[in-house]
């Protein structure tokens, strides 16, 4: 698809779009159920206010795509690659996100509550006000990520690397940093969160 295609208020069920190559398509207020996008290549596509249910993105390549204010339930991203994607306000519910390759992008306000992101590489990603409550972030690489005002209550951060990440506005007293890697400036923020006076 070389021309911009705008699709609104459509429902797609049971579609086999494996290996498809889609460029700059725009979907608004659409629903996708039991769709197979395995090994597909989506480039510059926009999904706005869409619903995804049991959609398979296994080994798919999403490049500069935008999934905005959309809900993804029981979707699989096994071995998928997301490059420069915008997921502002997207909600992931009971999705399979491992293994997943992420190269840059804006995931501000994304909801990943309770998701298993073990060993994911999210370094340098914009995750401002992201909701990781109860998520498994074991061994996740978050170096240099923008985690300002992110919610990390009850998240598992064992072995996670937070060095260089922006933790401004994070309620650090609610975060269990046991086993996480942090830098000196972050250690100061944690100490201050617990009432310490640095001098």
N, C-alpha and C. Protein backbone atom coordinates (compact mmCIF):
# COMPACT_ATOMS: atom_id res chain seq x y z
N UNK A 1 0.85 -1.18 0.00
CA UNK A 1 0.00 0.00 0.00
C UNK A 1 0.89 1.24 0.00
N UNK A 2 0.98 1.90 -1.15
CA UNK A 2 1.87 3.04 -1.23
C UNK A 2 1.17 4.34 -0.86
N UNK A 3 -0.14 4.42 -1.09
CA UNK A 3 -0.88 5.64 -0.76
C UNK A 3 -1.44 5.54 0.65
N UNK A 4 -1.70 6.71 1.25
CA UNK A 4 -2.27 6.74 2.59
C UNK A 4 -3.70 6.21 2.54
N UNK A 5 -3.96 5.27 3.42
CA UNK A 5 -5.30 4.67 3.48
C UNK A 5 -5.89 4.95 4.87
N UNK A 6 -7.05 5.58 4.91
CA UNK A 6 -7.70 5.90 6.17
C UNK A 6 -8.92 5.00 6.32
N UNK A 7 -8.93 4.21 7.39
CA UNK A 7 -10.03 3.29 7.64
C UNK A 7 -10.66 3.67 8.97
N UNK A 8 -11.97 3.86 9.01
CA UNK A 8 -12.64 4.29 10.24
C UNK A 8 -13.80 3.35 10.57
N UNK A 9 -13.95 3.09 11.87
CA UNK A 9 -15.11 2.36 12.39
C UNK A 9 -15.34 1.01 11.72
N UNK A 10 -14.25 0.31 11.46
CA UNK A 10 -14.36 -1.01 10.85
C UNK A 10 -13.96 -2.08 11.88
N UNK A 11 -14.53 -3.27 11.72
CA UNK A 11 -14.15 -4.40 12.56
C UNK A 11 -13.55 -5.48 11.67
N UNK A 12 -12.38 -5.96 12.07
CA UNK A 12 -11.68 -7.00 11.31
C UNK A 12 -11.56 -8.24 12.20
N UNK A 13 -12.11 -9.35 11.77
CA UNK A 13 -12.09 -10.59 12.57
C UNK A 13 -11.51 -11.74 11.76
N UNK A 14 -10.60 -12.48 12.40
CA UNK A 14 -10.08 -13.69 11.77
C UNK A 14 -9.25 -13.48 10.52
N UNK A 15 -8.71 -12.29 10.34
CA UNK A 15 -7.94 -12.01 9.12
C UNK A 15 -6.55 -12.64 9.20
N UNK A 16 -6.09 -13.18 8.09
CA UNK A 16 -4.74 -13.72 8.00
C UNK A 16 -3.91 -12.73 7.19
N UNK A 17 -3.23 -11.86 7.93
CA UNK A 17 -2.38 -10.85 7.30
C UNK A 17 -0.91 -11.13 7.57
N UNK A 18 -0.58 -12.38 7.82
CA UNK A 18 0.81 -12.76 8.05
C UNK A 18 1.64 -12.39 6.81
N UNK A 19 2.83 -11.89 7.05
CA UNK A 19 3.78 -11.50 6.01
C UNK A 19 3.32 -10.28 5.20
N UNK A 20 2.24 -9.64 5.60
CA UNK A 20 1.77 -8.46 4.88
C UNK A 20 2.75 -7.30 5.04
N UNK A 21 2.78 -6.43 4.05
CA UNK A 21 3.58 -5.21 4.12
C UNK A 21 2.65 -4.02 3.97
N UNK A 22 2.54 -3.25 5.04
CA UNK A 22 1.59 -2.14 5.07
C UNK A 22 2.34 -0.85 5.38
N UNK A 23 2.10 0.17 4.57
CA UNK A 23 2.77 1.45 4.77
C UNK A 23 1.77 2.58 4.92
N UNK A 24 1.96 3.36 5.94
CA UNK A 24 1.23 4.62 6.18
C UNK A 24 -0.29 4.47 6.20
N UNK A 25 -0.78 3.31 6.55
CA UNK A 25 -2.23 3.14 6.70
C UNK A 25 -2.66 3.80 8.01
N UNK A 26 -3.86 4.33 8.02
CA UNK A 26 -4.40 4.98 9.22
C UNK A 26 -5.72 4.32 9.59
N UNK A 27 -5.78 3.82 10.83
CA UNK A 27 -7.00 3.18 11.35
C UNK A 27 -7.50 3.99 12.53
N UNK A 28 -8.74 4.37 12.50
CA UNK A 28 -9.33 5.13 13.60
C UNK A 28 -10.61 4.45 14.08
N UNK A 29 -10.70 4.25 15.40
CA UNK A 29 -11.89 3.64 16.00
C UNK A 29 -12.22 2.29 15.37
N UNK A 30 -11.17 1.52 15.08
CA UNK A 30 -11.37 0.19 14.50
C UNK A 30 -11.14 -0.90 15.54
N UNK A 31 -11.64 -2.10 15.24
CA UNK A 31 -11.45 -3.25 16.13
C UNK A 31 -10.81 -4.38 15.33
N UNK A 32 -9.83 -5.03 15.96
CA UNK A 32 -9.13 -6.16 15.35
C UNK A 32 -9.24 -7.35 16.30
N UNK A 33 -9.86 -8.44 15.84
CA UNK A 33 -10.04 -9.61 16.68
C UNK A 33 -9.52 -10.85 15.95
N UNK A 34 -8.67 -11.63 16.66
CA UNK A 34 -8.12 -12.86 16.10
C UNK A 34 -7.46 -12.62 14.74
N UNK A 35 -6.73 -11.52 14.65
CA UNK A 35 -6.01 -11.19 13.42
C UNK A 35 -4.57 -11.68 13.53
N UNK A 36 -4.06 -12.27 12.46
CA UNK A 36 -2.67 -12.75 12.44
C UNK A 36 -1.82 -11.81 11.60
N UNK A 37 -0.98 -11.04 12.29
CA UNK A 37 -0.05 -10.14 11.63
C UNK A 37 1.38 -10.65 11.81
N UNK A 38 1.53 -11.96 11.99
CA UNK A 38 2.86 -12.54 12.20
C UNK A 38 3.78 -12.24 11.02
N UNK A 39 5.00 -11.85 11.34
CA UNK A 39 6.03 -11.57 10.35
C UNK A 39 5.63 -10.47 9.36
N UNK A 40 4.63 -9.69 9.72
CA UNK A 40 4.23 -8.57 8.87
C UNK A 40 5.20 -7.41 9.06
N UNK A 41 5.22 -6.51 8.10
CA UNK A 41 6.01 -5.29 8.20
C UNK A 41 5.07 -4.10 8.12
N UNK A 42 4.94 -3.41 9.24
CA UNK A 42 4.08 -2.23 9.31
C UNK A 42 4.97 -1.00 9.44
N UNK A 43 4.87 -0.09 8.48
CA UNK A 43 5.74 1.08 8.47
C UNK A 43 4.90 2.36 8.41
N UNK A 44 5.12 3.22 9.39
CA UNK A 44 4.44 4.51 9.39
C UNK A 44 2.93 4.43 9.55
N UNK A 45 2.43 3.33 10.11
CA UNK A 45 0.99 3.15 10.28
C UNK A 45 0.51 3.79 11.58
N UNK A 46 -0.74 4.24 11.58
CA UNK A 46 -1.33 4.86 12.76
C UNK A 46 -2.60 4.13 13.15
N UNK A 47 -2.70 3.79 14.43
CA UNK A 47 -3.90 3.17 14.99
C UNK A 47 -4.37 4.09 16.12
N UNK A 48 -5.49 4.72 15.95
CA UNK A 48 -5.97 5.68 16.94
C UNK A 48 -7.32 5.22 17.50
N UNK A 49 -7.39 5.10 18.83
CA UNK A 49 -8.63 4.67 19.50
C UNK A 49 -9.11 3.31 18.97
N UNK A 50 -8.16 2.38 18.83
CA UNK A 50 -8.51 1.05 18.30
C UNK A 50 -8.51 0.00 19.41
N UNK A 51 -9.19 -1.11 19.14
CA UNK A 51 -9.24 -2.24 20.06
C UNK A 51 -8.59 -3.44 19.38
N UNK A 52 -7.66 -4.08 20.09
CA UNK A 52 -7.00 -5.27 19.58
C UNK A 52 -7.28 -6.42 20.54
N UNK A 53 -7.82 -7.51 20.03
CA UNK A 53 -8.09 -8.68 20.86
C UNK A 53 -7.51 -9.93 20.24
N UNK A 54 -6.59 -10.59 20.95
CA UNK A 54 -5.97 -11.82 20.47
C UNK A 54 -5.33 -11.63 19.08
N UNK A 55 -4.65 -10.51 18.93
CA UNK A 55 -3.95 -10.24 17.67
C UNK A 55 -2.51 -10.72 17.80
N UNK A 56 -2.00 -11.40 16.76
CA UNK A 56 -0.65 -11.94 16.79
C UNK A 56 0.28 -11.07 15.96
N UNK A 57 1.25 -10.46 16.66
CA UNK A 57 2.29 -9.68 16.01
C UNK A 57 3.63 -10.44 16.09
N UNK A 58 3.58 -11.75 16.15
CA UNK A 58 4.78 -12.55 16.32
C UNK A 58 5.79 -12.30 15.19
N UNK A 59 7.01 -11.94 15.57
CA UNK A 59 8.10 -11.68 14.62
C UNK A 59 7.76 -10.57 13.63
N UNK A 60 6.78 -9.75 13.97
CA UNK A 60 6.43 -8.62 13.11
C UNK A 60 7.42 -7.48 13.33
N UNK A 61 7.53 -6.61 12.32
CA UNK A 61 8.38 -5.43 12.41
C UNK A 61 7.50 -4.19 12.29
N UNK A 62 7.43 -3.43 13.39
CA UNK A 62 6.67 -2.18 13.39
C UNK A 62 7.66 -1.03 13.43
N UNK A 63 7.66 -0.21 12.39
CA UNK A 63 8.62 0.88 12.28
C UNK A 63 7.89 2.22 12.19
N UNK A 64 8.23 3.12 13.07
CA UNK A 64 7.61 4.46 13.17
C UNK A 64 6.08 4.38 13.11
N UNK A 65 5.53 3.37 13.76
CA UNK A 65 4.07 3.25 13.86
C UNK A 65 3.58 3.94 15.12
N UNK A 66 2.32 4.34 15.11
CA UNK A 66 1.71 4.98 16.27
C UNK A 66 0.47 4.19 16.68
N UNK A 67 0.46 3.73 17.93
CA UNK A 67 -0.72 3.05 18.50
C UNK A 67 -1.15 3.93 19.66
N UNK A 68 -2.14 4.77 19.40
CA UNK A 68 -2.47 5.86 20.31
C UNK A 68 -3.83 5.64 20.96
N UNK A 69 -3.86 5.78 22.30
CA UNK A 69 -5.12 5.66 23.04
C UNK A 69 -5.89 4.40 22.61
N UNK A 70 -5.16 3.31 22.48
CA UNK A 70 -5.77 2.05 22.04
C UNK A 70 -5.60 0.99 23.11
N UNK A 71 -6.43 -0.06 23.03
CA UNK A 71 -6.39 -1.14 24.02
C UNK A 71 -6.01 -2.44 23.34
N UNK A 72 -4.99 -3.10 23.90
CA UNK A 72 -4.52 -4.38 23.36
C UNK A 72 -4.70 -5.45 24.42
N UNK A 73 -5.56 -6.42 24.14
CA UNK A 73 -5.87 -7.47 25.11
C UNK A 73 -5.49 -8.84 24.55
N UNK A 74 -4.69 -9.60 25.33
CA UNK A 74 -4.26 -10.94 24.95
C UNK A 74 -3.58 -10.97 23.57
N UNK A 75 -2.80 -9.94 23.29
CA UNK A 75 -2.07 -9.90 22.03
C UNK A 75 -0.66 -10.44 22.23
N UNK A 76 -0.09 -11.02 21.18
CA UNK A 76 1.23 -11.61 21.27
C UNK A 76 2.23 -10.84 20.41
N UNK A 77 3.33 -10.44 21.06
CA UNK A 77 4.41 -9.74 20.37
C UNK A 77 5.69 -10.57 20.43
N UNK A 78 5.56 -11.89 20.40
CA UNK A 78 6.73 -12.77 20.51
C UNK A 78 7.73 -12.46 19.39
N UNK A 79 8.95 -12.09 19.79
CA UNK A 79 10.04 -11.82 18.86
C UNK A 79 9.73 -10.66 17.91
N UNK A 80 8.82 -9.78 18.29
CA UNK A 80 8.51 -8.61 17.46
C UNK A 80 9.56 -7.52 17.65
N UNK A 81 9.66 -6.62 16.68
CA UNK A 81 10.58 -5.49 16.75
C UNK A 81 9.82 -4.19 16.56
N UNK A 82 9.94 -3.29 17.54
CA UNK A 82 9.29 -1.99 17.47
C UNK A 82 10.37 -0.92 17.38
N UNK A 83 10.42 -0.22 16.27
CA UNK A 83 11.46 0.79 16.05
C UNK A 83 10.84 2.17 15.92
N UNK A 84 11.18 3.06 16.83
CA UNK A 84 10.69 4.43 16.77
C UNK A 84 9.18 4.56 16.83
N UNK A 85 8.53 3.67 17.56
CA UNK A 85 7.06 3.67 17.61
C UNK A 85 6.53 4.57 18.73
N UNK A 86 5.34 5.08 18.53
CA UNK A 86 4.67 5.92 19.51
C UNK A 86 3.47 5.15 20.06
N UNK A 87 3.48 4.92 21.38
CA UNK A 87 2.41 4.14 22.00
C UNK A 87 1.69 4.96 23.06
N UNK A 88 1.54 6.24 22.81
CA UNK A 88 0.97 7.15 23.80
C UNK A 88 -0.42 6.67 24.26
N UNK A 89 -0.53 6.43 25.56
CA UNK A 89 -1.82 6.08 26.14
C UNK A 89 -2.32 4.68 25.80
N UNK A 90 -1.48 3.85 25.19
CA UNK A 90 -1.91 2.48 24.87
C UNK A 90 -2.00 1.64 26.14
N UNK A 91 -2.96 0.72 26.19
CA UNK A 91 -3.15 -0.17 27.33
C UNK A 91 -2.89 -1.60 26.90
N UNK A 92 -1.94 -2.26 27.59
CA UNK A 92 -1.64 -3.66 27.32
C UNK A 92 -2.24 -4.50 28.45
N UNK A 93 -3.11 -5.43 28.09
CA UNK A 93 -3.81 -6.27 29.08
C UNK A 93 -3.58 -7.74 28.74
N UNK A 94 -2.92 -8.45 29.64
CA UNK A 94 -2.68 -9.89 29.45
C UNK A 94 -2.00 -10.20 28.12
N UNK A 95 -1.06 -9.36 27.73
CA UNK A 95 -0.35 -9.57 26.47
C UNK A 95 0.95 -10.35 26.70
N UNK A 96 1.43 -10.96 25.63
CA UNK A 96 2.72 -11.66 25.66
C UNK A 96 3.75 -10.75 24.99
N UNK A 97 4.69 -10.24 25.80
CA UNK A 97 5.63 -9.24 25.31
C UNK A 97 7.08 -9.72 25.37
N UNK A 98 7.29 -11.01 25.36
CA UNK A 98 8.64 -11.56 25.44
C UNK A 98 8.86 -12.64 24.40
N UNK A 99 10.07 -12.66 23.79
CA UNK A 99 11.04 -11.57 23.78
C UNK A 99 10.58 -10.46 22.84
N UNK A 100 10.99 -9.25 23.13
CA UNK A 100 10.56 -8.09 22.36
C UNK A 100 11.76 -7.17 22.17
N UNK A 101 11.97 -6.70 20.93
CA UNK A 101 13.06 -5.78 20.65
C UNK A 101 12.48 -4.37 20.45
N UNK A 102 12.97 -3.42 21.24
CA UNK A 102 12.48 -2.04 21.16
C UNK A 102 13.66 -1.12 20.87
N UNK A 103 13.54 -0.30 19.84
CA UNK A 103 14.60 0.64 19.49
C UNK A 103 14.01 2.04 19.43
N UNK A 104 14.08 2.74 20.57
CA UNK A 104 13.59 4.12 20.64
C UNK A 104 12.08 4.23 20.55
N UNK A 105 11.60 5.44 20.70
CA UNK A 105 10.17 5.68 20.59
C UNK A 105 9.62 6.42 21.80
N UNK A 106 8.34 6.72 21.74
CA UNK A 106 7.64 7.45 22.79
C UNK A 106 6.50 6.58 23.31
N UNK A 107 6.70 6.08 24.54
CA UNK A 107 5.68 5.24 25.18
C UNK A 107 5.07 5.99 26.36
N UNK A 108 4.96 7.29 26.25
CA UNK A 108 4.40 8.08 27.34
C UNK A 108 2.97 7.67 27.65
N UNK A 109 2.65 7.60 28.94
CA UNK A 109 1.29 7.30 29.42
C UNK A 109 0.83 5.88 29.07
N UNK A 110 1.76 5.02 28.64
CA UNK A 110 1.38 3.64 28.33
C UNK A 110 1.05 2.89 29.62
N UNK A 111 0.11 1.96 29.55
CA UNK A 111 -0.22 1.13 30.71
C UNK A 111 0.27 -0.29 30.47
N UNK A 112 1.22 -0.71 31.32
CA UNK A 112 1.78 -2.06 31.25
C UNK A 112 1.58 -2.75 32.59
N UNK A 113 0.48 -2.46 33.25
CA UNK A 113 0.20 -3.02 34.56
C UNK A 113 0.22 -4.53 34.53
N UNK A 114 1.00 -5.11 35.45
CA UNK A 114 1.01 -6.57 35.60
C UNK A 114 1.64 -7.33 34.46
N UNK A 115 2.21 -6.63 33.49
CA UNK A 115 2.79 -7.33 32.33
C UNK A 115 4.17 -7.91 32.67
N UNK A 116 4.53 -8.97 31.99
CA UNK A 116 5.84 -9.59 32.16
C UNK A 116 6.78 -9.05 31.09
N UNK A 117 7.75 -8.23 31.52
CA UNK A 117 8.71 -7.63 30.59
C UNK A 117 10.13 -8.09 30.91
N UNK A 118 10.25 -9.26 31.50
CA UNK A 118 11.55 -9.78 31.92
C UNK A 118 12.59 -9.64 30.80
N UNK A 119 13.71 -9.01 31.15
CA UNK A 119 14.88 -8.87 30.27
C UNK A 119 14.63 -8.02 29.04
N UNK A 120 13.54 -7.27 29.01
CA UNK A 120 13.29 -6.39 27.86
C UNK A 120 14.31 -5.25 27.85
N UNK A 121 14.66 -4.78 26.68
CA UNK A 121 15.60 -3.68 26.54
C UNK A 121 14.83 -2.41 26.19
N UNK A 122 14.64 -1.56 27.19
CA UNK A 122 13.85 -0.34 27.03
C UNK A 122 14.70 0.90 27.27
N UNK A 123 16.01 0.74 27.16
CA UNK A 123 16.92 1.86 27.40
C UNK A 123 16.66 3.02 26.46
N UNK A 124 16.68 4.24 27.01
CA UNK A 124 16.51 5.44 26.21
C UNK A 124 15.08 5.72 25.78
N UNK A 125 14.15 4.87 26.18
CA UNK A 125 12.76 5.01 25.76
C UNK A 125 12.06 6.09 26.58
N UNK A 126 11.16 6.84 25.95
CA UNK A 126 10.36 7.82 26.69
C UNK A 126 9.17 7.10 27.31
N UNK A 127 9.17 7.02 28.63
CA UNK A 127 8.13 6.29 29.38
C UNK A 127 7.49 7.21 30.41
N UNK A 128 7.40 8.47 30.08
CA UNK A 128 6.85 9.46 31.01
C UNK A 128 5.43 9.09 31.42
N UNK A 129 5.19 9.04 32.71
CA UNK A 129 3.88 8.72 33.30
C UNK A 129 3.37 7.33 32.89
N UNK A 130 4.28 6.45 32.53
CA UNK A 130 3.89 5.07 32.23
C UNK A 130 3.45 4.36 33.51
N UNK A 131 2.53 3.41 33.37
CA UNK A 131 2.02 2.66 34.52
C UNK A 131 2.57 1.25 34.49
N UNK A 132 3.55 0.98 35.38
CA UNK A 132 4.16 -0.34 35.50
C UNK A 132 3.71 -1.03 36.79
N UNK A 133 2.63 -0.60 37.37
CA UNK A 133 2.23 -1.16 38.66
C UNK A 133 2.07 -2.68 38.56
N UNK A 134 2.80 -3.38 39.45
CA UNK A 134 2.71 -4.84 39.49
C UNK A 134 3.38 -5.56 38.34
N UNK A 135 4.11 -4.83 37.50
CA UNK A 135 4.75 -5.45 36.33
C UNK A 135 6.03 -6.18 36.76
N UNK A 136 6.40 -7.20 35.98
CA UNK A 136 7.65 -7.92 36.21
C UNK A 136 8.71 -7.28 35.33
N UNK A 137 9.59 -6.50 35.96
CA UNK A 137 10.66 -5.81 35.24
C UNK A 137 12.02 -6.42 35.57
N UNK A 138 12.03 -7.69 35.92
CA UNK A 138 13.27 -8.38 36.24
C UNK A 138 14.26 -8.27 35.08
N UNK A 139 15.46 -7.80 35.38
CA UNK A 139 16.55 -7.68 34.41
C UNK A 139 16.23 -6.78 33.23
N UNK A 140 15.25 -5.91 33.37
CA UNK A 140 14.92 -4.99 32.27
C UNK A 140 15.99 -3.89 32.19
N UNK A 141 16.38 -3.56 30.98
CA UNK A 141 17.34 -2.49 30.73
C UNK A 141 16.57 -1.18 30.54
N UNK A 142 16.64 -0.31 31.53
CA UNK A 142 15.97 0.99 31.47
C UNK A 142 16.99 2.13 31.54
N UNK A 143 18.21 1.86 31.15
CA UNK A 143 19.25 2.88 31.22
C UNK A 143 18.90 4.08 30.34
N UNK A 144 18.95 5.25 30.96
CA UNK A 144 18.70 6.47 30.21
C UNK A 144 17.26 6.70 29.81
N UNK A 145 16.35 5.86 30.28
CA UNK A 145 14.94 6.02 29.92
C UNK A 145 14.32 7.19 30.69
N UNK A 146 13.31 7.81 30.10
CA UNK A 146 12.57 8.86 30.79
C UNK A 146 11.41 8.22 31.55
N UNK A 147 11.63 8.00 32.84
CA UNK A 147 10.60 7.39 33.70
C UNK A 147 9.94 8.42 34.59
N UNK A 148 10.04 9.69 34.22
CA UNK A 148 9.48 10.73 35.08
C UNK A 148 7.99 10.51 35.31
N UNK A 149 7.61 10.55 36.57
CA UNK A 149 6.23 10.39 37.03
C UNK A 149 5.64 9.01 36.69
N UNK A 150 6.49 8.05 36.37
CA UNK A 150 6.01 6.69 36.12
C UNK A 150 5.56 6.05 37.43
N UNK A 151 4.61 5.12 37.33
CA UNK A 151 4.10 4.40 38.50
C UNK A 151 4.74 3.02 38.54
N UNK A 152 5.50 2.76 39.59
CA UNK A 152 6.25 1.51 39.71
C UNK A 152 5.88 0.74 40.97
N UNK A 153 4.74 1.08 41.57
CA UNK A 153 4.34 0.39 42.80
C UNK A 153 4.17 -1.11 42.54
N UNK A 154 4.76 -1.92 43.42
CA UNK A 154 4.65 -3.38 43.37
C UNK A 154 5.30 -3.99 42.12
N UNK A 155 6.06 -3.20 41.38
CA UNK A 155 6.79 -3.77 40.24
C UNK A 155 8.00 -4.54 40.75
N UNK A 156 8.36 -5.61 40.05
CA UNK A 156 9.54 -6.40 40.40
C UNK A 156 10.71 -5.88 39.59
N UNK A 157 11.73 -5.34 40.28
CA UNK A 157 12.85 -4.70 39.59
C UNK A 157 14.17 -5.42 39.83
N UNK A 158 14.12 -6.66 40.27
CA UNK A 158 15.34 -7.40 40.57
C UNK A 158 16.22 -7.51 39.33
N UNK A 159 17.44 -7.01 39.45
CA UNK A 159 18.37 -7.08 38.33
C UNK A 159 18.13 -6.04 37.26
N UNK A 160 17.11 -5.19 37.43
CA UNK A 160 16.83 -4.15 36.44
C UNK A 160 17.92 -3.08 36.49
N UNK A 161 18.22 -2.48 35.34
CA UNK A 161 19.25 -1.45 35.27
C UNK A 161 18.59 -0.10 35.03
N UNK A 162 18.58 0.73 36.08
CA UNK A 162 17.92 2.05 36.02
C UNK A 162 18.93 3.18 35.90
N UNK A 163 20.19 2.86 35.74
CA UNK A 163 21.21 3.89 35.74
C UNK A 163 20.98 4.92 34.62
N UNK A 164 21.01 6.19 35.01
CA UNK A 164 20.82 7.26 34.04
C UNK A 164 19.37 7.55 33.70
N UNK A 165 18.45 6.76 34.24
CA UNK A 165 17.03 6.99 33.96
C UNK A 165 16.52 8.20 34.74
N UNK A 166 15.59 8.93 34.16
CA UNK A 166 14.99 10.08 34.82
C UNK A 166 13.87 9.59 35.74
N UNK A 167 14.09 9.72 37.06
CA UNK A 167 13.10 9.25 38.04
C UNK A 167 12.37 10.41 38.69
N UNK A 168 12.39 11.57 38.05
CA UNK A 168 11.72 12.74 38.61
C UNK A 168 10.22 12.46 38.78
N UNK A 169 9.72 12.75 39.95
CA UNK A 169 8.28 12.58 40.20
C UNK A 169 7.85 11.17 40.50
N UNK A 170 8.78 10.20 40.50
CA UNK A 170 8.42 8.82 40.84
C UNK A 170 8.28 8.69 42.35
N UNK A 171 7.20 8.05 42.79
CA UNK A 171 6.98 7.84 44.23
C UNK A 171 7.92 6.73 44.70
N UNK A 172 9.17 7.10 44.97
CA UNK A 172 10.20 6.10 45.25
C UNK A 172 9.96 5.31 46.53
N UNK A 173 9.18 5.84 47.44
CA UNK A 173 8.89 5.09 48.67
C UNK A 173 7.98 3.90 48.39
N UNK A 174 7.31 3.92 47.24
CA UNK A 174 6.43 2.81 46.87
C UNK A 174 7.15 1.76 46.03
N UNK A 175 8.42 2.04 45.68
CA UNK A 175 9.14 1.19 44.75
C UNK A 175 10.13 0.30 45.50
N UNK A 176 10.06 -1.01 45.25
CA UNK A 176 11.02 -1.95 45.83
C UNK A 176 12.21 -2.06 44.87
N UNK A 177 13.32 -1.43 45.24
CA UNK A 177 14.49 -1.41 44.38
C UNK A 177 15.49 -2.51 44.74
N UNK A 178 15.05 -3.50 45.49
CA UNK A 178 15.93 -4.60 45.87
C UNK A 178 16.52 -5.27 44.63
N UNK A 179 17.83 -5.26 44.54
CA UNK A 179 18.51 -5.93 43.43
C UNK A 179 18.59 -5.11 42.15
N UNK A 180 18.04 -3.87 42.17
CA UNK A 180 18.11 -3.02 40.98
C UNK A 180 19.42 -2.24 40.96
N UNK A 181 19.88 -1.92 39.76
CA UNK A 181 21.10 -1.12 39.62
C UNK A 181 20.72 0.35 39.46
N UNK A 182 21.25 1.19 40.37
CA UNK A 182 20.98 2.63 40.28
C UNK A 182 22.32 3.36 40.38
N UNK A 183 22.32 4.64 39.95
CA UNK A 183 23.54 5.41 40.04
C UNK A 183 23.54 6.29 41.30
N UNK A 184 24.62 7.02 41.50
CA UNK A 184 24.78 7.81 42.72
C UNK A 184 23.68 8.87 42.87
N UNK A 185 23.37 9.58 41.78
CA UNK A 185 22.35 10.63 41.88
C UNK A 185 20.98 10.03 42.22
N UNK A 186 20.69 8.85 41.66
CA UNK A 186 19.43 8.19 41.97
C UNK A 186 19.40 7.73 43.42
N UNK A 187 20.56 7.29 43.93
CA UNK A 187 20.63 6.88 45.33
C UNK A 187 20.28 8.06 46.24
N UNK A 188 20.70 9.25 45.84
CA UNK A 188 20.36 10.45 46.60
C UNK A 188 18.86 10.71 46.59
N UNK A 189 18.22 10.50 45.45
CA UNK A 189 16.77 10.68 45.36
C UNK A 189 16.03 9.69 46.26
N UNK A 190 16.53 8.45 46.27
CA UNK A 190 15.91 7.44 47.14
C UNK A 190 16.07 7.82 48.59
N UNK A 191 17.27 8.26 48.95
CA UNK A 191 17.50 8.67 50.34
C UNK A 191 16.59 9.82 50.74
N UNK A 192 16.44 10.79 49.86
CA UNK A 192 15.57 11.93 50.15
C UNK A 192 14.11 11.49 50.28
N UNK A 193 13.72 10.51 49.47
CA UNK A 193 12.34 10.01 49.54
C UNK A 193 12.04 9.43 50.91
N UNK A 194 13.06 8.92 51.56
CA UNK A 194 12.90 8.35 52.89
C UNK A 194 13.26 9.34 53.99
N UNK A 195 13.36 10.61 53.63
CA UNK A 195 13.55 11.64 54.64
C UNK A 195 14.98 11.99 55.00
N UNK A 196 15.92 11.39 54.30
CA UNK A 196 17.32 11.69 54.60
C UNK A 196 17.68 13.11 54.15
N UNK A 197 18.56 13.75 54.87
CA UNK A 197 19.05 15.07 54.51
C UNK A 197 20.49 14.90 54.00
N UNK A 198 20.68 15.20 52.72
CA UNK A 198 22.00 15.03 52.12
C UNK A 198 22.83 16.29 52.33
N UNK A 199 24.05 16.11 52.82
CA UNK A 199 24.86 17.29 53.08
C UNK A 199 26.32 17.03 52.80
